[in-house]
Amino acid sequence: MSIRVGYQIPSFSYPGGDPRAIFPTVVQQAREAEDAGVDCVFVMDHFYQLPGLGTPDQPMMEAYTLLGALAASTERIQLSALVTGNTYRNPTLLAKAVTALDVISGGRAVLGIGAGWFELEHRQLGFDFGTFTDRFNKLDEALQILQPMLRGERPTVQGRYYRTEEAMNEPRVRDDLPILIGGSGEKKTFKFAARHADHLNLICDDTLIPTKLAALAQRCAEEGRDRSTLETSYLGFVFSDDDGDRARAMHADYARSLGMDLDAMPEEARRAATARHFVGSPDEIAAQVKQRVIEPGVDGFVFNLVATGHVPGEVAKVATALRTVIE
């Protein structure tokens, strides 16, 4: 497994608003990413649209149904959720779902997983939310079930949250289906990544990257793991146009649609609101990613194009530029 350049599809609110046009538009993006040499296509595992991307009532596709359909619509690209909310599925069901995706895709699935955080979904749809500690304890137990099941083992677990008895997982096409953990928690998330994962996707202010990587190295040392065996990436929001000035105007318009006037905000507040944003022409984007993400020590970059991902050619332009700065 290697994810140097990834493409995330976080929105299904496309021009025209026809639900029947959503899947063809998603397939177009996935195939374009595949043809451009992107390593993995990600979808979000949510049921409502997220704050910062839109309103809760905007379209959101169920992740594993969509990934299964994308498996039949692509040939080479890896497929994953960024990231699966552990609270939404029993870990045995999740093991079966991601393994079925792996079988359908011919060995292209990646299990992306995190503790879960969007309280509105949990409350309105009836999922147990619990406390922050509950969610991370659940994730800890879930990984003790998921990892063995993905490896062809038959775990028996009598935990506080989950119970299994020689849980079987057949069929499988491999015993090394990779696990990706997403988040920025230095104590728990990084510990779980060091213990169980092949890849950590960082979600944080880009200025915190050196601190986060130092903490990750410490967790790996505590677990007796060679830090170099745990690949990393960073999730960024990209606003791109061949004309960099148009991209910057697009970014400002998008912020206004979410109630933010970037020009009127104090510098510190604007910096905080845009810390994960990359804005400009494709070449400018690549230069920003190199300086802000790759040079500080992250291995790869996962980008989304909230405003223009549905436009044919835009995914390929950004992916091609990123490949010039990411080996």
Protein backbone atom coordinates (compact mmCIF):
# COMPACT_ATOMS: atom_id res chain seq x y z
CA MET A 1 0.00 0.00 0.00
CA SER A 2 1.19 3.48 -0.84
CA ILE A 3 -0.85 6.69 -0.90
CA ARG A 4 1.27 9.59 -2.06
CA VAL A 5 -1.55 11.43 -3.82
CA GLY A 6 -5.16 10.81 -2.85
CA TYR A 7 -8.44 12.38 -3.97
CA GLN A 8 -11.38 12.79 -1.60
CA ILE A 9 -14.97 13.34 -2.75
CA PRO A 10 -16.67 15.18 0.14
CA SER A 11 -19.72 16.65 -1.59
CA PHE A 12 -22.55 15.44 -3.79
CA SER A 13 -24.21 18.84 -4.28
CA TYR A 14 -23.69 19.17 -8.02
CA PRO A 15 -25.20 21.74 -10.43
CA GLY A 16 -28.75 20.86 -11.39
CA GLY A 17 -29.48 18.99 -8.18
CA ASP A 18 -30.69 15.80 -9.90
CA PRO A 19 -30.04 12.80 -7.62
CA ARG A 20 -29.77 10.56 -10.69
CA ALA A 21 -26.76 12.58 -11.85
CA ILE A 22 -24.81 12.11 -8.62
CA PHE A 23 -23.33 8.69 -9.26
CA PRO A 24 -22.26 9.34 -12.88
CA THR A 25 -20.53 12.51 -11.67
CA VAL A 26 -18.74 10.59 -8.92
CA VAL A 27 -17.64 7.90 -11.40
CA GLN A 28 -16.31 10.61 -13.71
CA GLN A 29 -14.15 11.98 -10.89
CA ALA A 30 -12.90 8.55 -9.79
CA ARG A 31 -11.95 7.53 -13.33
CA GLU A 32 -10.24 10.84 -13.95
CA ALA A 33 -8.26 10.44 -10.74
CA GLU A 34 -7.31 6.91 -11.75
CA ASP A 35 -6.15 8.00 -15.20
CA ALA A 36 -4.11 10.83 -13.66
CA GLY A 37 -2.17 8.43 -11.43
CA VAL A 38 -3.89 9.18 -8.12
CA ASP A 39 -3.26 6.36 -5.66
CA CYS A 40 -6.59 6.26 -3.81
CA VAL A 41 -10.09 7.71 -4.07
CA PHE A 42 -11.78 8.45 -0.76
CA VAL A 43 -15.38 9.18 0.17
CA MET A 44 -16.61 10.42 3.54
CA ASP A 45 -18.46 8.11 5.90
CA HIS A 46 -21.24 10.45 6.89
CA PHE A 47 -25.00 10.59 6.46
CA TYR A 48 -25.38 14.38 6.64
CA GLN A 49 -23.18 17.02 5.04
CA LEU A 50 -20.61 18.45 7.45
CA PRO A 51 -20.30 21.95 8.88
CA GLY A 52 -17.73 23.83 6.83
CA LEU A 53 -18.84 22.05 3.67
CA GLY A 54 -22.54 22.81 3.63
CA THR A 55 -25.79 22.28 5.49
CA PRO A 56 -26.86 18.94 7.01
CA ASP A 57 -29.72 18.49 4.54
CA GLN A 58 -27.46 18.50 1.48
CA PRO A 59 -26.94 15.17 -0.37
CA MET A 60 -24.68 12.57 1.27
CA MET A 61 -24.18 9.04 -0.09
CA GLU A 62 -23.67 6.03 2.19
CA ALA A 63 -19.98 5.23 1.96
CA TYR A 64 -19.73 1.48 1.48
CA THR A 65 -22.58 1.23 -0.99
CA LEU A 66 -20.87 3.93 -3.03
CA LEU A 67 -17.41 2.35 -2.72
CA GLY A 68 -18.75 -1.00 -3.91
CA ALA A 69 -20.22 0.66 -6.99
CA LEU A 70 -16.93 2.49 -7.61
CA ALA A 71 -15.08 -0.82 -7.38
CA ALA A 72 -17.07 -2.03 -10.38
CA SER A 73 -16.52 1.27 -12.22
CA THR A 74 -12.71 1.52 -11.87
CA GLU A 75 -9.80 -0.83 -12.47
CA ARG A 76 -6.62 0.17 -10.62
CA ILE A 77 -7.20 2.86 -8.02
CA GLN A 78 -7.43 2.04 -4.31
CA LEU A 79 -10.74 2.78 -2.59
CA SER A 80 -11.44 3.87 0.98
CA ALA A 81 -13.49 5.94 3.36
CA LEU A 82 -11.74 8.91 4.93
CA VAL A 83 -12.62 7.79 7.46
CA THR A 84 -15.17 5.20 8.53
CA GLY A 85 -16.92 6.27 11.72
CA ASN A 86 -16.44 3.35 14.07
CA THR A 87 -19.63 4.20 15.96
CA TYR A 88 -21.86 3.52 12.94
CA ARG A 89 -21.19 -0.23 12.52
CA ASN A 90 -20.36 -3.24 14.62
CA PRO A 91 -16.70 -4.04 13.87
CA THR A 92 -17.58 -7.51 12.59
CA LEU A 93 -19.99 -5.97 10.07
CA LEU A 94 -17.35 -3.44 9.08
CA ALA A 95 -14.78 -6.20 8.59
CA LYS A 96 -17.20 -7.99 6.28
CA ALA A 97 -18.06 -4.79 4.39
CA VAL A 98 -14.48 -3.72 3.68
CA THR A 99 -13.46 -7.29 2.84
CA ALA A 100 -16.37 -7.55 0.39
CA LEU A 101 -15.12 -4.29 -1.15
CA ASP A 102 -11.67 -5.85 -1.43
CA VAL A 103 -13.04 -8.92 -3.17
CA ILE A 104 -15.17 -6.89 -5.59
CA SER A 105 -12.26 -4.58 -6.42
CA GLY A 106 -9.65 -7.31 -6.75
CA GLY A 107 -7.63 -6.24 -3.73
CA ARG A 108 -7.95 -2.44 -3.87
CA ALA A 109 -9.72 -1.69 -0.56
CA VAL A 110 -8.22 0.25 2.32
CA LEU A 111 -9.94 0.32 5.71
CA GLY A 112 -9.93 3.95 6.80
CA ILE A 113 -11.25 4.31 10.33
CA GLY A 114 -11.65 6.83 13.12
CA ALA A 115 -13.52 7.22 16.40
CA GLY A 116 -16.47 9.27 15.06
CA TRP A 117 -17.32 12.82 16.04
CA PHE A 118 -20.41 14.32 14.31
CA GLU A 119 -22.93 14.45 17.15
CA LEU A 120 -25.89 15.64 15.07
CA GLU A 121 -25.85 12.48 12.95
CA HIS A 122 -25.68 10.28 16.00
CA ARG A 123 -28.51 12.04 17.81
CA GLN A 124 -30.92 12.32 14.88
CA LEU A 125 -30.26 8.86 13.41
CA GLY A 126 -30.15 6.99 16.70
CA PHE A 127 -26.48 6.03 16.95
CA ASP A 128 -24.99 5.95 20.44
CA PHE A 129 -22.60 8.91 20.72
CA GLY A 130 -21.33 8.63 24.27
CA THR A 131 -18.40 10.58 25.61
CA PHE A 132 -15.08 11.31 23.93
CA THR A 133 -13.54 8.59 26.10
CA ASP A 134 -16.30 6.12 25.17
CA ARG A 135 -15.71 6.63 21.46
CA PHE A 136 -11.96 6.07 21.70
CA ASN A 137 -12.37 3.05 23.95
CA LYS A 138 -14.80 1.64 21.38
CA LEU A 139 -12.26 2.24 18.62
CA ASP A 140 -9.59 0.47 20.64
CA GLU A 141 -11.81 -2.60 21.07
CA ALA A 142 -12.95 -2.49 17.45
CA LEU A 143 -9.38 -2.57 16.15
CA GLN A 144 -8.70 -5.65 18.27
CA ILE A 145 -11.47 -7.36 16.28
CA LEU A 146 -10.97 -5.78 12.86
CA GLN A 147 -7.27 -6.36 12.42
CA PRO A 148 -7.40 -10.12 13.11
CA MET A 149 -10.49 -10.59 10.96
CA LEU A 150 -8.79 -8.84 8.03
CA ARG A 151 -5.82 -11.18 8.48
CA GLY A 152 -7.88 -14.36 8.37
CA GLU A 153 -7.77 -14.97 12.11
CA ARG A 154 -10.83 -15.80 14.22
CA PRO A 155 -10.87 -13.46 17.20
CA THR A 156 -12.80 -14.07 20.39
CA VAL A 157 -13.32 -10.85 22.31
CA GLN A 158 -15.34 -10.24 25.43
CA GLY A 159 -15.08 -6.48 25.71
CA ARG A 160 -17.05 -3.73 27.32
CA TYR A 161 -18.59 -2.68 24.00
CA TYR A 162 -18.19 -5.62 21.61
CA ARG A 163 -18.27 -9.39 21.85
CA THR A 164 -17.17 -11.97 19.30
CA GLU A 165 -16.77 -15.73 19.36
CA GLU A 166 -14.24 -17.07 16.82
CA ALA A 167 -15.48 -14.49 14.32
CA MET A 168 -14.92 -15.69 10.73
CA ASN A 169 -14.41 -13.51 7.66
CA GLU A 170 -14.64 -15.28 4.29
CA PRO A 171 -14.01 -14.82 1.44
CA ARG A 172 -10.83 -12.77 1.33
CA VAL A 173 -8.41 -12.14 -1.52
CA ARG A 174 -5.48 -11.28 0.77
CA ASP A 175 -4.40 -11.26 4.40
CA ASP A 176 -2.82 -7.81 4.38
CA LEU A 177 -5.72 -5.47 3.66
CA PRO A 178 -4.27 -2.14 4.87
CA ILE A 179 -5.63 -0.07 7.74
CA LEU A 180 -5.59 3.72 7.66
CA ILE A 181 -6.38 5.74 10.76
CA GLY A 182 -7.34 9.39 10.46
CA GLY A 183 -7.09 12.15 13.04
CA SER A 184 -4.71 14.30 15.03
CA GLY A 185 -4.94 13.09 18.62
CA GLU A 186 -1.38 12.64 19.84
CA LYS A 187 -2.16 10.30 22.72
CA LYS A 188 -4.89 7.94 21.54
CA THR A 189 -5.19 8.24 17.75
CA PHE A 190 -1.43 8.12 17.24
CA LYS A 191 -1.09 5.21 19.67
CA PHE A 192 -3.71 3.21 17.77
CA ALA A 193 -2.01 4.07 14.49
CA ALA A 194 1.37 2.94 15.80
CA ARG A 195 -0.15 -0.29 17.06
CA HIS A 196 -2.51 -1.24 14.24
CA ALA A 197 -2.23 0.92 11.10
CA ASP A 198 -0.31 1.00 7.85
CA HIS A 199 -1.11 4.67 7.24
CA LEU A 200 -2.00 7.76 9.29
CA ASN A 201 -3.90 10.62 7.68
CA LEU A 202 -3.31 13.85 9.55
CA ILE A 203 -6.16 16.32 9.94
CA CYS A 204 -4.75 19.44 11.60
CA ASP A 205 -3.52 22.99 11.11
CA ASP A 206 -0.54 22.73 8.77
CA THR A 207 1.66 24.69 11.19
CA LEU A 208 1.24 21.82 13.68
CA ILE A 209 2.68 19.18 11.34
CA PRO A 210 6.19 19.09 12.89
CA THR A 211 4.72 18.75 16.40
CA LYS A 212 2.36 16.01 15.26
CA LEU A 213 5.11 14.04 13.53
CA ALA A 214 7.30 14.27 16.64
CA ALA A 215 4.44 12.93 18.74
CA LEU A 216 3.83 10.13 16.25
CA ALA A 217 7.49 9.12 16.42
CA GLN A 218 7.19 8.96 20.21
CA ARG A 219 4.09 6.73 20.06
CA CYS A 220 5.87 4.43 17.58
CA ALA A 221 8.85 4.19 19.93
CA GLU A 222 6.55 3.32 22.82
CA GLU A 223 4.97 0.55 20.75
CA GLY A 224 8.35 -0.75 19.58
CA ARG A 225 7.58 0.15 15.97
CA ASP A 226 9.91 1.56 13.35
CA ARG A 227 8.37 4.94 12.53
CA SER A 228 9.42 4.63 8.88
CA THR A 229 6.99 1.71 8.43
CA LEU A 230 3.96 3.96 9.11
CA GLU A 231 3.11 6.06 6.05
CA THR A 232 1.54 9.49 6.54
CA SER A 233 -0.59 11.87 4.51
CA TYR A 234 -2.37 15.19 5.04
CA LEU A 235 -5.91 16.16 4.04
CA GLY A 236 -6.21 19.55 2.33
CA PHE A 237 -9.01 21.59 0.76
CA VAL A 238 -7.97 22.76 -2.70
CA PHE A 239 -9.41 25.67 -4.67
CA SER A 240 -7.81 25.60 -8.10
CA ASP A 241 -8.13 27.31 -11.47
CA ASP A 242 -5.68 27.75 -14.33
CA ASP A 243 -5.88 31.44 -13.45
CA GLY A 244 -4.70 31.76 -9.85
CA ASP A 245 -6.63 34.99 -9.34
CA ARG A 246 -9.86 33.26 -10.34
CA ALA A 247 -9.05 30.51 -7.85
CA ARG A 248 -8.61 33.07 -5.10
CA ALA A 249 -11.92 34.70 -6.00
CA MET A 250 -13.58 31.28 -5.99
CA HIS A 251 -12.14 30.61 -2.54
CA ALA A 252 -13.49 33.92 -1.22
CA ASP A 253 -16.92 33.18 -2.73
CA TYR A 254 -16.97 29.74 -1.16
CA ALA A 255 -16.09 31.19 2.25
CA ARG A 256 -18.89 33.74 1.90
CA SER A 257 -21.34 30.93 1.12
CA LEU A 258 -20.48 29.54 4.55
CA GLY A 259 -20.90 32.91 6.24
CA MET A 260 -17.23 33.97 6.33
CA ASP A 261 -15.90 37.22 4.86
CA LEU A 262 -12.19 36.45 4.71
CA ASP A 263 -11.24 40.03 3.90
CA ALA A 264 -13.03 41.35 6.98
CA MET A 265 -11.69 38.73 9.40
CA PRO A 266 -8.75 39.45 11.74
CA GLU A 267 -5.56 37.84 10.48
CA GLU A 268 -5.45 35.21 13.23
CA ALA A 269 -9.05 34.17 12.66
CA ARG A 270 -8.57 34.01 8.90
CA ARG A 271 -5.44 31.93 9.31
CA ALA A 272 -7.29 29.48 11.56
CA ALA A 273 -10.22 29.24 9.14
CA THR A 274 -7.99 28.53 6.12
CA ALA A 275 -5.15 26.52 7.68
CA ARG A 276 -6.02 23.46 5.58
CA HIS A 277 -6.81 25.42 2.40
CA PHE A 278 -4.58 25.51 -0.68
CA VAL A 279 -5.53 28.14 -3.25
CA GLY A 280 -4.23 29.07 -6.69
CA SER A 281 -3.31 27.57 -10.05
CA PRO A 282 -2.37 23.86 -10.10
CA ASP A 283 1.32 24.77 -10.08
CA GLU A 284 0.79 27.17 -7.18
CA ILE A 285 -1.09 24.47 -5.31
CA ALA A 286 1.78 22.03 -5.82
CA ALA A 287 4.30 24.58 -4.55
CA GLN A 288 2.18 25.25 -1.45
CA VAL A 289 1.82 21.53 -0.72
CA LYS A 290 5.55 21.01 -1.11
CA GLN A 291 6.38 23.83 1.30
CA ARG A 292 3.61 23.34 3.86
CA VAL A 293 3.21 19.54 3.89
CA ILE A 294 5.94 17.55 2.16
CA GLU A 295 9.03 19.46 3.31
CA PRO A 296 7.94 19.28 7.00
CA GLY A 297 7.99 15.49 6.65
CA VAL A 298 4.58 14.17 5.57
CA ASP A 299 4.73 11.46 2.90
CA GLY A 300 1.64 12.31 0.86
CA PHE A 301 -1.30 14.62 0.27
CA VAL A 302 -5.02 13.92 -0.05
CA PHE A 303 -6.92 16.71 -1.76
CA ASN A 304 -10.52 17.54 -2.41
CA LEU A 305 -12.06 20.05 -4.80
CA VAL A 306 -15.28 21.05 -3.11
CA ALA A 307 -16.08 23.80 -5.61
CA THR A 308 -14.90 22.27 -8.89
CA GLY A 309 -14.31 18.53 -8.52
CA HIS A 310 -17.34 17.79 -10.69
CA VAL A 311 -15.91 19.81 -13.61
CA PRO A 312 -14.21 17.48 -16.12
CA GLY A 313 -10.45 17.90 -16.17
CA GLU A 314 -10.03 19.67 -12.83
CA VAL A 315 -9.07 16.59 -10.81
CA ALA A 316 -6.45 15.61 -13.37
CA LYS A 317 -4.88 19.08 -13.46
CA VAL A 318 -4.32 19.17 -9.71
CA ALA A 319 -3.22 15.54 -9.49
CA THR A 320 -0.69 16.00 -12.30
CA ALA A 321 0.78 19.07 -10.63
CA LEU A 322 1.00 17.35 -7.26
CA ARG A 323 2.88 14.43 -8.81
CA THR A 324 5.69 16.82 -9.71
CA VAL A 325 6.42 17.55 -6.04
CA ILE A 326 5.47 14.23 -4.42
CA GLU A 327 7.61 11.24 -5.28
